[in-house]
C-alpha atoms as a PDB file:
ATOM      1  CA  UNK A   1     -23.958  -4.930   0.220  1.00  0.00           C
ATOM      2  CA  UNK A   2     -20.953  -4.273  -1.817  1.00  0.00           C
ATOM      3  CA  UNK A   3     -19.564  -7.306  -3.684  1.00  0.00           C
ATOM      4  CA  UNK A   4     -16.049  -7.796  -4.225  1.00  0.00           C
ATOM      5  CA  UNK A   5     -14.862  -6.811  -7.557  1.00  0.00           C
ATOM      6  CA  UNK A   6     -11.744  -8.197  -8.763  1.00  0.00           C
ATOM      7  CA  UNK A   7      -9.692  -7.088 -12.071  1.00  0.00           C
ATOM      8  CA  UNK A   8     -10.989  -9.043 -15.060  1.00  0.00           C
ATOM      9  CA  UNK A   9      -9.089 -12.222 -16.161  1.00  0.00           C
ATOM     10  CA  UNK A  10      -7.591 -10.595 -18.878  1.00  0.00           C
ATOM     11  CA  UNK A  11      -6.194  -7.842 -17.253  1.00  0.00           C
ATOM     12  CA  UNK A  12      -4.654 -10.328 -14.703  1.00  0.00           C
ATOM     13  CA  UNK A  13      -3.161 -12.269 -17.651  1.00  0.00           C
ATOM     14  CA  UNK A  14      -1.593  -9.099 -19.100  1.00  0.00           C
ATOM     15  CA  UNK A  15      -0.322  -8.150 -15.350  1.00  0.00           C
ATOM     16  CA  UNK A  16       1.074 -11.506 -15.147  1.00  0.00           C
ATOM     17  CA  UNK A  17       2.782 -10.972 -18.608  1.00  0.00           C
ATOM     18  CA  UNK A  18       4.095  -7.727 -17.864  1.00  0.00           C
ATOM     19  CA  UNK A  19       5.838  -9.050 -14.743  1.00  0.00           C
ATOM     20  CA  UNK A  20       7.584 -12.048 -16.562  1.00  0.00           C
ATOM     21  CA  UNK A  21       8.897  -9.071 -18.923  1.00  0.00           C
ATOM     22  CA  UNK A  22      10.208  -7.088 -16.015  1.00  0.00           C
ATOM     23  CA  UNK A  23      12.123 -10.182 -14.631  1.00  0.00           C
ATOM     24  CA  UNK A  24      13.375 -11.186 -18.151  1.00  0.00           C
ATOM     25  CA  UNK A  25      14.622  -7.356 -18.709  1.00  0.00           C
ATOM     26  CA  UNK A  26      16.586  -7.514 -15.589  1.00  0.00           C
ATOM     27  CA  UNK A  27      18.766 -10.558 -16.922  1.00  0.00           C
ATOM     28  CA  UNK A  28      22.154  -9.834 -17.582  1.00  0.00           C
ATOM     29  CA  UNK A  29      24.689  -7.559 -16.501  1.00  0.00           C
ATOM     30  CA  UNK A  30      23.887  -4.363 -14.587  1.00  0.00           C
ATOM     31  CA  UNK A  31      24.090  -0.775 -16.239  1.00  0.00           C
ATOM     32  CA  UNK A  32      26.631   1.866 -16.078  1.00  0.00           C
ATOM     33  CA  UNK A  33      25.710   3.276 -12.955  1.00  0.00           C
ATOM     34  CA  UNK A  34      26.771  -0.250 -10.959  1.00  0.00           C
ATOM     35  CA  UNK A  35      30.281   0.007 -12.708  1.00  0.00           C
ATOM     36  CA  UNK A  36      31.059   2.895 -10.722  1.00  0.00           C
ATOM     37  CA  UNK A  37      30.847   1.765  -7.230  1.00  0.00           C
ATOM     38  CA  UNK A  38      30.210  -1.892  -7.824  1.00  0.00           C
ATOM     39  CA  UNK A  39      26.525  -1.493  -6.299  1.00  0.00           C
ATOM     40  CA  UNK A  40      23.368  -1.887  -8.245  1.00  0.00           C
ATOM     41  CA  UNK A  41      21.524   1.492  -8.364  1.00  0.00           C
ATOM     42  CA  UNK A  42      17.740   1.099  -7.707  1.00  0.00           C
ATOM     43  CA  UNK A  43      15.460   3.926  -7.696  1.00  0.00           C
ATOM     44  CA  UNK A  44      12.231   3.565  -5.981  1.00  0.00           C
ATOM     45  CA  UNK A  45       9.306   5.743  -6.441  1.00  0.00           C
ATOM     46  CA  UNK A  46       8.332   6.099  -2.728  1.00  0.00           C
ATOM     47  CA  UNK A  47       9.235   4.655   0.848  1.00  0.00           C
ATOM     48  CA  UNK A  48       7.288   1.287   0.540  1.00  0.00           C
ATOM     49  CA  UNK A  49       9.349   0.276  -2.450  1.00  0.00           C
ATOM     50  CA  UNK A  50      12.586   2.010  -1.262  1.00  0.00           C
ATOM     51  CA  UNK A  51      12.093   0.033   2.074  1.00  0.00           C
ATOM     52  CA  UNK A  52      11.916  -3.529   0.111  1.00  0.00           C
ATOM     53  CA  UNK A  53      14.743  -2.726  -1.999  1.00  0.00           C
ATOM     54  CA  UNK A  54      16.953  -1.748   0.838  1.00  0.00           C
ATOM     55  CA  UNK A  55      16.050  -4.859   2.879  1.00  0.00           C
ATOM     56  CA  UNK A  56      16.357  -7.045   0.093  1.00  0.00           C
ATOM     57  CA  UNK A  57      19.403  -5.645  -1.461  1.00  0.00           C
ATOM     58  CA  UNK A  58      21.605  -4.823   1.379  1.00  0.00           C
ATOM     59  CA  UNK A  59      24.964  -4.023   1.085  1.00  0.00           C
ATOM     60  CA  UNK A  60      24.894  -4.849  -2.862  1.00  0.00           C
ATOM     61  CA  UNK A  61      22.596  -1.932  -3.780  1.00  0.00           C
ATOM     62  CA  UNK A  62      22.191   1.749  -3.466  1.00  0.00           C
ATOM     63  CA  UNK A  63      18.907   2.960  -3.302  1.00  0.00           C
ATOM     64  CA  UNK A  64      17.490   6.150  -3.951  1.00  0.00           C
ATOM     65  CA  UNK A  65      13.710   7.345  -3.813  1.00  0.00           C
ATOM     66  CA  UNK A  66      11.874   9.957  -5.900  1.00  0.00           C
ATOM     67  CA  UNK A  67       9.605  10.903  -3.040  1.00  0.00           C
ATOM     68  CA  UNK A  68      11.458  12.413  -0.297  1.00  0.00           C
ATOM     69  CA  UNK A  69      10.278  12.302   3.482  1.00  0.00           C
ATOM     70  CA  UNK A  70       7.305  14.577   4.278  1.00  0.00           C
ATOM     71  CA  UNK A  71       6.172  14.621   0.439  1.00  0.00           C
ATOM     72  CA  UNK A  72       2.466  13.208  -0.200  1.00  0.00           C
ATOM     73  CA  UNK A  73       3.287  10.566  -2.845  1.00  0.00           C
ATOM     74  CA  UNK A  74      -0.065  11.353  -4.741  1.00  0.00           C
ATOM     75  CA  UNK A  75       0.884  15.085  -5.340  1.00  0.00           C
ATOM     76  CA  UNK A  76       4.594  14.375  -6.262  1.00  0.00           C
ATOM     77  CA  UNK A  77       5.848  16.380  -9.167  1.00  0.00           C
ATOM     78  CA  UNK A  78       9.072  15.472 -10.819  1.00  0.00           C
ATOM     79  CA  UNK A  79      11.585  17.850 -11.965  1.00  0.00           C
ATOM     80  CA  UNK A  80      13.756  17.644 -14.887  1.00  0.00           C
ATOM     81  CA  UNK A  81      16.716  16.898 -12.751  1.00  0.00           C
ATOM     82  CA  UNK A  82      15.056  14.145 -11.265  1.00  0.00           C
ATOM     83  CA  UNK A  83      14.190  12.676 -14.546  1.00  0.00           C
ATOM     84  CA  UNK A  84      17.496  12.866 -15.653  1.00  0.00           C
ATOM     85  CA  UNK A  85      19.099  11.089 -12.666  1.00  0.00           C
ATOM     86  CA  UNK A  86      16.294   8.321 -13.066  1.00  0.00           C
ATOM     87  CA  UNK A  87      17.863   7.639 -16.313  1.00  0.00           C
ATOM     88  CA  UNK A  88      21.126   6.916 -14.549  1.00  0.00           C
ATOM     89  CA  UNK A  89      19.378   3.945 -12.495  1.00  0.00           C
ATOM     90  CA  UNK A  90      20.202   0.389 -12.960  1.00  0.00           C
ATOM     91  CA  UNK A  91      16.772  -0.537 -12.040  1.00  0.00           C
ATOM     92  CA  UNK A  92      13.460   1.440 -11.434  1.00  0.00           C
ATOM     93  CA  UNK A  93      11.081  -0.098  -8.921  1.00  0.00           C
ATOM     94  CA  UNK A  94       7.512   1.751  -8.988  1.00  0.00           C
ATOM     95  CA  UNK A  95       3.944   1.182  -8.730  1.00  0.00           C
ATOM     96  CA  UNK A  96       2.132   2.508 -11.986  1.00  0.00           C
ATOM     97  CA  UNK A  97      -0.916   4.590 -11.529  1.00  0.00           C
ATOM     98  CA  UNK A  98      -0.074   5.497  -7.964  1.00  0.00           C
ATOM     99  CA  UNK A  99       1.817   8.742  -8.945  1.00  0.00           C
ATOM    100  CA  UNK A 100       1.397   9.956 -12.391  1.00  0.00           C
ATOM    101  CA  UNK A 101       4.216  12.252 -12.764  1.00  0.00           C
ATOM    102  CA  UNK A 102       6.442   9.204 -12.009  1.00  0.00           C
ATOM    103  CA  UNK A 103       4.576   7.353 -14.705  1.00  0.00           C
ATOM    104  CA  UNK A 104       5.674   9.651 -17.161  1.00  0.00           C
ATOM    105  CA  UNK A 105       9.055  10.044 -15.794  1.00  0.00           C
ATOM    106  CA  UNK A 106       9.633   6.653 -16.242  1.00  0.00           C
ATOM    107  CA  UNK A 107       8.641   6.229 -19.477  1.00  0.00           C
ATOM    108  CA  UNK A 108      10.993   9.085 -20.571  1.00  0.00           C
ATOM    109  CA  UNK A 109      13.917   7.744 -18.697  1.00  0.00           C
ATOM    110  CA  UNK A 110      15.060   4.970 -21.298  1.00  0.00           C
ATOM    111  CA  UNK A 111      16.061   2.413 -18.141  1.00  0.00           C
ATOM    112  CA  UNK A 112      15.575  -0.970 -19.510  1.00  0.00           C
ATOM    113  CA  UNK A 113      15.273  -2.683 -16.118  1.00  0.00           C
ATOM    114  CA  UNK A 114      11.801  -1.325 -14.906  1.00  0.00           C
ATOM    115  CA  UNK A 115       9.762  -3.023 -12.372  1.00  0.00           C
ATOM    116  CA  UNK A 116       6.063  -2.401 -11.885  1.00  0.00           C
ATOM    117  CA  UNK A 117       5.091  -3.612  -8.276  1.00  0.00           C
ATOM    118  CA  UNK A 118       1.311  -3.980  -9.463  1.00  0.00           C
ATOM    119  CA  UNK A 119       2.632  -6.911 -11.771  1.00  0.00           C
ATOM    120  CA  UNK A 120       3.831  -8.696  -8.795  1.00  0.00           C
ATOM    121  CA  UNK A 121       0.662  -9.229  -7.054  1.00  0.00           C
ATOM    122  CA  UNK A 122      -2.914  -9.144  -7.667  1.00  0.00           C
ATOM    123  CA  UNK A 123      -4.632  -5.483  -7.403  1.00  0.00           C
ATOM    124  CA  UNK A 124      -8.222  -5.364  -6.422  1.00  0.00           C
ATOM    125  CA  UNK A 125     -11.083  -2.239  -6.530  1.00  0.00           C
ATOM    126  CA  UNK A 126     -11.922  -0.689  -3.251  1.00  0.00           C
ATOM    127  CA  UNK A 127     -13.831   2.410  -2.531  1.00  0.00           C
ATOM    128  CA  UNK A 128     -14.684   4.832   0.166  1.00  0.00           C
ATOM    129  CA  UNK A 129     -17.846   3.470   1.100  1.00  0.00           C
ATOM    130  CA  UNK A 130     -16.894  -0.355   1.590  1.00  0.00           C
ATOM    131  CA  UNK A 131     -19.238  -1.040   4.295  1.00  0.00           C
ATOM    132  CA  UNK A 132     -20.069  -4.808   4.781  1.00  0.00           C
ATOM    133  CA  UNK A 133     -21.120  -7.001   7.660  1.00  0.00           C
ATOM    134  CA  UNK A 134     -19.005  -9.958   8.512  1.00  0.00           C
ATOM    135  CA  UNK A 135     -20.854 -12.640  10.187  1.00  0.00           C
ATOM    136  CA  UNK A 136     -19.250 -14.939  12.281  1.00  0.00           C
ATOM    137  CA  UNK A 137     -15.859 -13.123  12.621  1.00  0.00           C
ATOM    138  CA  UNK A 138     -15.734 -14.015  16.178  1.00  0.00           C
ATOM    139  CA  UNK A 139     -12.881 -16.310  16.314  1.00  0.00           C
ATOM    140  CA  UNK A 140     -12.399 -16.623  12.431  1.00  0.00           C
ATOM    141  CA  UNK A 141      -9.328 -14.501  11.946  1.00  0.00           C
ATOM    142  CA  UNK A 142      -9.281 -13.213   8.370  1.00  0.00           C
ATOM    143  CA  UNK A 143     -11.221 -14.210   5.256  1.00  0.00           C
ATOM    144  CA  UNK A 144      -9.527 -16.395   2.420  1.00  0.00           C
ATOM    145  CA  UNK A 145      -8.827 -14.652  -0.476  1.00  0.00           C
ATOM    146  CA  UNK A 146     -11.594 -15.261  -3.435  1.00  0.00           C
ATOM    147  CA  UNK A 147     -14.587 -15.871  -0.974  1.00  0.00           C
ATOM    148  CA  UNK A 148     -16.079 -12.996  -1.165  1.00  0.00           C
ATOM    149  CA  UNK A 149     -15.013 -11.357   2.139  1.00  0.00           C
ATOM    150  CA  UNK A 150     -13.739  -8.114   0.683  1.00  0.00           C
ATOM    151  CA  UNK A 151     -15.116  -5.024  -0.087  1.00  0.00           C
ATOM    152  CA  UNK A 152     -15.515  -3.656  -3.551  1.00  0.00           C
ATOM    153  CA  UNK A 153     -15.670  -0.383  -5.458  1.00  0.00           C
ATOM    154  CA  UNK A 154     -19.409  -0.454  -5.998  1.00  0.00           C
ATOM    155  CA  UNK A 155     -20.534   2.198  -3.574  1.00  0.00           C
ATOM    156  CA  UNK A 156     -22.670   4.657  -5.113  1.00  0.00           C
ATOM    157  CA  UNK A 157     -20.967   7.861  -5.380  1.00  0.00           C
ATOM    158  CA  UNK A 158     -17.640   7.213  -3.740  1.00  0.00           C
ATOM    159  CA  UNK A 159     -15.592   5.244  -6.331  1.00  0.00           C
ATOM    160  CA  UNK A 160     -12.494   7.151  -6.701  1.00  0.00           C
ATOM    161  CA  UNK A 161     -10.644   5.429  -9.405  1.00  0.00           C
ATOM    162  CA  UNK A 162      -6.667   4.695  -9.711  1.00  0.00           C
ATOM    163  CA  UNK A 163      -5.570   3.169 -13.072  1.00  0.00           C
ATOM    164  CA  UNK A 164      -7.670   1.826 -15.914  1.00  0.00           C
ATOM    165  CA  UNK A 165      -9.366  -0.760 -14.120  1.00  0.00           C
ATOM    166  CA  UNK A 166     -10.321   1.418 -10.802  1.00  0.00           C
ATOM    167  CA  UNK A 167      -7.881  -0.593  -8.905  1.00  0.00           C
ATOM    168  CA  UNK A 168      -6.695   0.194  -5.581  1.00  0.00           C
ATOM    169  CA  UNK A 169      -2.822   0.577  -5.299  1.00  0.00           C
ATOM    170  CA  UNK A 170      -2.534   0.733  -1.512  1.00  0.00           C
ATOM    171  CA  UNK A 171      -1.369  -3.079  -1.422  1.00  0.00           C
ATOM    172  CA  UNK A 172       1.940  -2.642   1.035  1.00  0.00           C
ATOM    173  CA  UNK A 173      -0.650  -2.309   3.865  1.00  0.00           C
ATOM    174  CA  UNK A 174      -1.549  -6.045   3.425  1.00  0.00           C
ATOM    175  CA  UNK A 175       1.459  -7.747   4.749  1.00  0.00           C
ATOM    176  CA  UNK A 176       0.702 -10.618   2.850  1.00  0.00           C
ATOM    177  CA  UNK A 177       0.740  -8.956  -0.487  1.00  0.00           C
ATOM    178  CA  UNK A 178       3.633  -6.750   0.527  1.00  0.00           C
ATOM    179  CA  UNK A 179       5.231 -10.278   0.824  1.00  0.00           C
ATOM    180  CA  UNK A 180       4.412 -11.104  -2.705  1.00  0.00           C
ATOM    181  CA  UNK A 181       5.893  -8.101  -4.016  1.00  0.00           C
ATOM    182  CA  UNK A 182       9.022  -8.644  -1.913  1.00  0.00           C
ATOM    183  CA  UNK A 183       9.350 -11.969  -3.635  1.00  0.00           C
ATOM    184  CA  UNK A 184       8.705 -10.816  -6.835  1.00  0.00           C
ATOM    185  CA  UNK A 185      11.479  -7.975  -6.680  1.00  0.00           C
ATOM    186  CA  UNK A 186      13.965 -10.307  -5.096  1.00  0.00           C
ATOM    187  CA  UNK A 187      13.748 -12.289  -8.134  1.00  0.00           C
ATOM    188  CA  UNK A 188      14.261  -9.135 -10.085  1.00  0.00           C
ATOM    189  CA  UNK A 189      17.760  -8.561  -8.118  1.00  0.00           C
ATOM    190  CA  UNK A 190      18.707 -12.082  -8.299  1.00  0.00           C
ATOM    191  CA  UNK A 191      18.940 -11.743 -12.220  1.00  0.00           C
ATOM    192  CA  UNK A 192      19.896  -8.229 -12.465  1.00  0.00           C
ATOM    193  CA  UNK A 193      22.906  -9.001 -10.215  1.00  0.00           C
ATOM    194  CA  UNK A 194      23.538 -12.881 -10.449  1.00  0.00           C
ATOM    195  CA  UNK A 195      26.785 -12.787  -8.526  1.00  0.00           C
ATOM    196  CA  UNK A 196      24.988 -11.972  -5.298  1.00  0.00           C
ATOM    197  CA  UNK A 197      22.032 -13.839  -6.120  1.00  0.00           C
ATOM    198  CA  UNK A 198      22.182 -16.191  -3.011  1.00  0.00           C
ATOM    199  CA  UNK A 199      22.351 -13.027  -0.608  1.00  0.00           C
ATOM    200  CA  UNK A 200      18.984 -11.618  -2.320  1.00  0.00           C
ATOM    201  CA  UNK A 201      17.421 -15.040  -2.019  1.00  0.00           C
ATOM    202  CA  UNK A 202      18.593 -15.093   1.774  1.00  0.00           C
ATOM    203  CA  UNK A 203      17.305 -11.390   2.335  1.00  0.00           C
ATOM    204  CA  UNK A 204      13.910 -12.132   0.673  1.00  0.00           C
ATOM    205  CA  UNK A 205      13.202 -15.202   2.748  1.00  0.00           C
ATOM    206  CA  UNK A 206      13.873 -13.276   6.026  1.00  0.00           C
ATOM    207  CA  UNK A 207      11.845 -10.444   5.049  1.00  0.00           C
ATOM    208  CA  UNK A 208       8.751 -12.339   3.990  1.00  0.00           C
ATOM    209  CA  UNK A 209       9.066 -14.541   7.117  1.00  0.00           C
ATOM    210  CA  UNK A 210       8.950 -11.257   9.137  1.00  0.00           C
ATOM    211  CA  UNK A 211       5.800 -10.185   7.210  1.00  0.00           C
ATOM    212  CA  UNK A 212       4.300 -13.517   7.907  1.00  0.00           C
ATOM    213  CA  UNK A 213       4.537 -13.071  11.544  1.00  0.00           C
ATOM    214  CA  UNK A 214       3.119  -9.442  11.292  1.00  0.00           C
ATOM    215  CA  UNK A 215       0.280 -10.933   9.155  1.00  0.00           C
ATOM    216  CA  UNK A 216      -0.343 -13.269  12.163  1.00  0.00           C
ATOM    217  CA  UNK A 217      -0.142 -10.432  14.860  1.00  0.00           C
ATOM    218  CA  UNK A 218      -2.867  -8.496  12.865  1.00  0.00           C
ATOM    219  CA  UNK A 219      -4.951 -11.656  12.509  1.00  0.00           C
ATOM    220  CA  UNK A 220      -4.770 -12.453  16.072  1.00  0.00           C
ATOM    221  CA  UNK A 221      -4.811  -9.023  17.512  1.00  0.00           C
ATOM    222  CA  UNK A 222      -7.945  -8.122  15.480  1.00  0.00           C
ATOM    223  CA  UNK A 223      -9.759 -11.444  15.748  1.00  0.00           C
ATOM    224  CA  UNK A 224     -12.271 -10.662  18.597  1.00  0.00           C
ATOM    225  CA  UNK A 225     -13.344  -6.958  18.691  1.00  0.00           C
ATOM    226  CA  UNK A 226     -16.317  -5.038  19.782  1.00  0.00           C
ATOM    227  CA  UNK A 227     -16.733  -3.334  16.210  1.00  0.00           C
ATOM    228  CA  UNK A 228     -15.504  -4.206  12.922  1.00  0.00           C
ATOM    229  CA  UNK A 229     -15.956  -0.878  11.599  1.00  0.00           C
ATOM    230  CA  UNK A 230     -13.280   2.080  11.216  1.00  0.00           C
ATOM    231  CA  UNK A 231     -13.549   5.449   9.649  1.00  0.00           C
ATOM    232  CA  UNK A 232     -10.573   7.385   8.036  1.00  0.00           C
ATOM    233  CA  UNK A 233     -10.080  10.176   6.017  1.00  0.00           C
ATOM    234  CA  UNK A 234      -7.810   8.185   3.523  1.00  0.00           C
ATOM    235  CA  UNK A 235      -9.402   5.082   1.865  1.00  0.00           C
ATOM    236  CA  UNK A 236      -6.111   3.365   1.869  1.00  0.00           C
ATOM    237  CA  UNK A 237      -6.971   0.386   4.076  1.00  0.00           C
ATOM    238  CA  UNK A 238      -9.072  -1.391   1.674  1.00  0.00           C
ATOM    239  CA  UNK A 239      -6.523  -4.573   1.681  1.00  0.00           C
ATOM    240  CA  UNK A 240      -6.010  -4.521   5.332  1.00  0.00           C
ATOM    241  CA  UNK A 241      -9.693  -4.377   6.102  1.00  0.00           C
ATOM    242  CA  UNK A 242     -10.500  -7.152   3.477  1.00  0.00           C
ATOM    243  CA  UNK A 243      -7.241  -9.608   4.957  1.00  0.00           C
ATOM    244  CA  UNK A 244      -8.733  -9.043   8.457  1.00  0.00           C
ATOM    245  CA  UNK A 245     -12.389  -8.758   8.183  1.00  0.00           C
ATOM    246  CA  UNK A 246     -12.904  -5.326   9.079  1.00  0.00           C
ATOM    247  CA  UNK A 247     -15.107  -2.658   7.287  1.00  0.00           C
ATOM    248  CA  UNK A 248     -13.136   0.588   6.005  1.00  0.00           C
ATOM    249  CA  UNK A 249     -15.385   3.584   5.820  1.00  0.00           C
ATOM    250  CA  UNK A 250     -13.523   6.334   3.961  1.00  0.00           C
ATOM    251  CA  UNK A 251     -14.035   9.906   4.159  1.00  0.00           C
ATOM    252  CA  UNK A 252     -12.572  10.538   0.966  1.00  0.00           C
ATOM    253  CA  UNK A 253     -11.509   7.987  -1.532  1.00  0.00           C
ATOM    254  CA  UNK A 254      -8.055   6.835  -2.332  1.00  0.00           C
ATOM    255  CA  UNK A 255      -7.060  10.347  -2.797  1.00  0.00           C
ATOM    256  CA  UNK A 256      -6.741  11.891   0.585  1.00  0.00           C
ATOM    257  CA  UNK A 257      -7.271  15.365  -0.427  1.00  0.00           C
ATOM    258  CA  UNK A 258     -10.289  14.573  -2.147  1.00  0.00           C
ATOM    259  CA  UNK A 259     -13.272  16.619  -0.568  1.00  0.00           C
ATOM    260  CA  UNK A 260     -16.279  14.515   0.783  1.00  0.00           C
ATOM    261  CA  UNK A 261     -19.804  15.519   0.048  1.00  0.00           C
ATOM    262  CA  UNK A 262     -22.290  16.759   2.727  1.00  0.00           C
ATOM    263  CA  UNK A 263     -24.330  13.606   1.931  1.00  0.00           C
ATOM    264  CA  UNK A 264     -21.159  11.415   2.459  1.00  0.00           C
ATOM    265  CA  UNK A 265     -20.137  13.449   5.839  1.00  0.00           C
ATOM    266  CA  UNK A 266     -24.032  12.700   7.013  1.00  0.00           C
ATOM    267  CA  UNK A 267     -23.752   9.122   5.987  1.00  0.00           C
ATOM    268  CA  UNK A 268     -20.654   8.481   8.038  1.00  0.00           C
ATOM    269  CA  UNK A 269     -22.300  10.030  10.955  1.00  0.00           C
ATOM    270  CA  UNK A 270     -25.267   7.170  10.581  1.00  0.00           C
ATOM    271  CA  UNK A 271     -22.457   4.445  10.458  1.00  0.00           C
ATOM    272  CA  UNK A 272     -20.548   5.908  13.401  1.00  0.00           C
ATOM    273  CA  UNK A 273     -23.870   5.593  15.514  1.00  0.00           C
ATOM    274  CA  UNK A 274     -25.076   2.201  13.932  1.00  0.00           C
ATOM    275  CA  UNK A 275     -21.598   0.350  14.379  1.00  0.00           C
ATOM    276  CA  UNK A 276     -20.305   1.686  17.592  1.00  0.00           C
ATOM    277  CA  UNK A 277     -17.273   3.713  15.931  1.00  0.00           C
ATOM    278  CA  UNK A 278     -15.494   5.518  18.711  1.00  0.00           C
ATOM    279  CA  UNK A 279     -12.528   7.078  16.485  1.00  0.00           C
ATOM    280  CA  UNK A 280     -12.044   8.668  13.371  1.00  0.00           C
ATOM    281  CA  UNK A 281      -8.464   8.050  11.945  1.00  0.00           C
ATOM    282  CA  UNK A 282      -6.325  10.628  10.138  1.00  0.00           C
ATOM    283  CA  UNK A 283      -2.682   9.993   8.598  1.00  0.00           C
ATOM    284  CA  UNK A 284       0.674  12.127   9.114  1.00  0.00           C
ATOM    285  CA  UNK A 285       1.230  13.182   5.486  1.00  0.00           C
ATOM    286  CA  UNK A 286      -2.293  14.789   4.719  1.00  0.00           C
ATOM    287  CA  UNK A 287      -4.385  17.410   6.638  1.00  0.00           C
ATOM    288  CA  UNK A 288      -6.614  16.415   9.808  1.00  0.00           C
ATOM    289  CA  UNK A 289      -9.316  19.085   9.251  1.00  0.00           C
ATOM    290  CA  UNK A 290     -11.704  16.701   7.887  1.00  0.00           C
ATOM    291  CA  UNK A 291     -11.221  14.038  10.343  1.00  0.00           C
ATOM    292  CA  UNK A 292     -11.516  16.468  13.231  1.00  0.00           C
ATOM    293  CA  UNK A 293     -14.814  17.937  12.038  1.00  0.00           C
ATOM    294  CA  UNK A 294     -16.185  14.833  11.843  1.00  0.00           C
ATOM    295  CA  UNK A 295     -15.298  13.659  14.956  1.00  0.00           C
ATOM    296  CA  UNK A 296     -16.393  16.721  16.657  1.00  0.00           C
ATOM    297  CA  UNK A 297     -20.018  16.463  15.036  1.00  0.00           C
ATOM    298  CA  UNK A 298     -20.374  12.963  16.266  1.00  0.00           C
ATOM    299  CA  UNK A 299     -18.609  13.048  19.687  1.00  0.00           C
ATOM    300  CA  UNK A 300     -15.626  10.614  18.609  1.00  0.00           C
ATOM    301  CA  UNK A 301     -11.889  10.703  19.410  1.00  0.00           C
ATOM    302  CA  UNK A 302      -9.455  11.021  16.589  1.00  0.00           C
ATOM    303  CA  UNK A 303      -6.306   8.877  16.216  1.00  0.00           C
ATOM    304  CA  UNK A 304      -3.516   8.146  13.573  1.00  0.00           C
ATOM    305  CA  UNK A 305      -3.936   5.302  11.075  1.00  0.00           C
ATOM    306  CA  UNK A 306      -0.869   5.777   9.020  1.00  0.00           C
ATOM    307  CA  UNK A 307      -0.960   4.554   5.274  1.00  0.00           C
ATOM    308  CA  UNK A 308       2.822   4.303   5.347  1.00  0.00           C
ATOM    309  CA  UNK A 309       3.414   6.490   2.175  1.00  0.00           C
ATOM    310  CA  UNK A 310       6.557   7.789   3.902  1.00  0.00           C
ATOM    311  CA  UNK A 311       8.298   8.126   7.059  1.00  0.00           C
ATOM    312  CA  UNK A 312       8.852  11.724   8.803  1.00  0.00           C
ATOM    313  CA  UNK A 313       9.748  12.565  12.405  1.00  0.00           C
ATOM    314  CA  UNK A 314       5.859  12.480  12.964  1.00  0.00           C
ATOM    315  CA  UNK A 315       5.569   8.833  12.015  1.00  0.00           C
ATOM    316  CA  UNK A 316       4.646   6.486  14.912  1.00  0.00           C
ATOM    317  CA  UNK A 317       7.592   4.368  14.128  1.00  0.00           C
ATOM    318  CA  UNK A 318      11.037   4.446  12.203  1.00  0.00           C
ATOM    319  CA  UNK A 319      10.367   1.924   9.372  1.00  0.00           C
ATOM    320  CA  UNK A 320       7.356  -0.212   7.945  1.00  0.00           C
ATOM    321  CA  UNK A 321       7.037  -2.736  10.711  1.00  0.00           C
ATOM    322  CA  UNK A 322       7.109  -0.289  13.571  1.00  0.00           C
ATOM    323  CA  UNK A 323       4.363   1.768  12.051  1.00  0.00           C
ATOM    324  CA  UNK A 324       2.107  -1.376  11.009  1.00  0.00           C
ATOM    325  CA  UNK A 325       2.561  -2.243  14.941  1.00  0.00           C
ATOM    326  CA  UNK A 326       1.629   1.156  15.806  1.00  0.00           C
ATOM    327  CA  UNK A 327      -1.452   0.950  13.257  1.00  0.00           C
ATOM    328  CA  UNK A 328      -2.214  -2.283  15.075  1.00  0.00           C
ATOM    329  CA  UNK A 329      -2.518  -1.070  18.327  1.00  0.00           C
ATOM    330  CA  UNK A 330      -4.640   1.929  17.166  1.00  0.00           C
ATOM    331  CA  UNK A 331      -6.958  -0.153  15.517  1.00  0.00           C
ATOM    332  CA  UNK A 332      -7.148  -2.334  18.735  1.00  0.00           C
ATOM    333  CA  UNK A 333      -7.932   0.429  20.830  1.00  0.00           C
ATOM    334  CA  UNK A 334     -10.599   2.225  18.538  1.00  0.00           C
ATOM    335  CA  UNK A 335     -12.353  -1.327  17.767  1.00  0.00           C
ATOM    336  CA  UNK A 336     -12.436  -2.486  21.360  1.00  0.00           C
ATOM    337  CA  UNK A 337     -10.101  -5.389  21.037  1.00  0.00           C
ATOM    338  CA  UNK A 338     -11.202  -8.317  23.696  1.00  0.00           C
END
């Protein structure tokens, strides 16, 4: 059985200090870009952060993103032109370690107001093989954080690390953690643009309330299911699985392009049979070849579970909330929601 592994206390302390630094750095007047049109210019590294910036900033901000629709964020390469435009930002909002090219560009930008989303919540380690049974899940909802109901990154041979501590960056797929990031970024905008602080505060409260409602929808919708195990090509759903007492079994690790070993494929076939798995999930921005191969070998169906790293015309929804509700519907169907 896997044991939940949290980032060491020292690392958390350092992260908190970084978060405080980010907030402090954003105090005072905005940079030269804001002077041009009166708006705070925010550059977000990819869709989930872009969405938060747009929702919280409203009409007071102009938001650009480094990762265009249809581009797999993990594979993003930054051009010199993009790096140049990045330097003109008033605020940069990114998630360190998710996109190495972005990390490098941010370092070179010289922008003072830089916000790392990873400092606004607590990152944990998950793995492709995060399988664990959840006794007594009927009627229990999601397990409380810190009580060992999670999935740690100790599965042998399946730990695909991100960052120095091997932390999983996909925090936005847990509505509660996403809300924590929203609150932190809202505070950043209040300090960066105090003239509109009341509006940022109002927008943040409205967004976090919607995220709280979404959390309740997932909790209630996944409370009673025939199975608690789901198989997905991209191990991006560790936080979601932990929040709602599910078992994520990833074909690959947190990198969607990683090739699974024959041993891992055989293991997944056994898991599917043992836990009455009906569906192998794939995503919209990466190849579905491996998912379909496993489904064919095991007699399972396939469906979409979107890690929400970008919105395209193939997405099952036009924004974060619509796609998350599509994910919930697809999980309920696959798990046999009662």
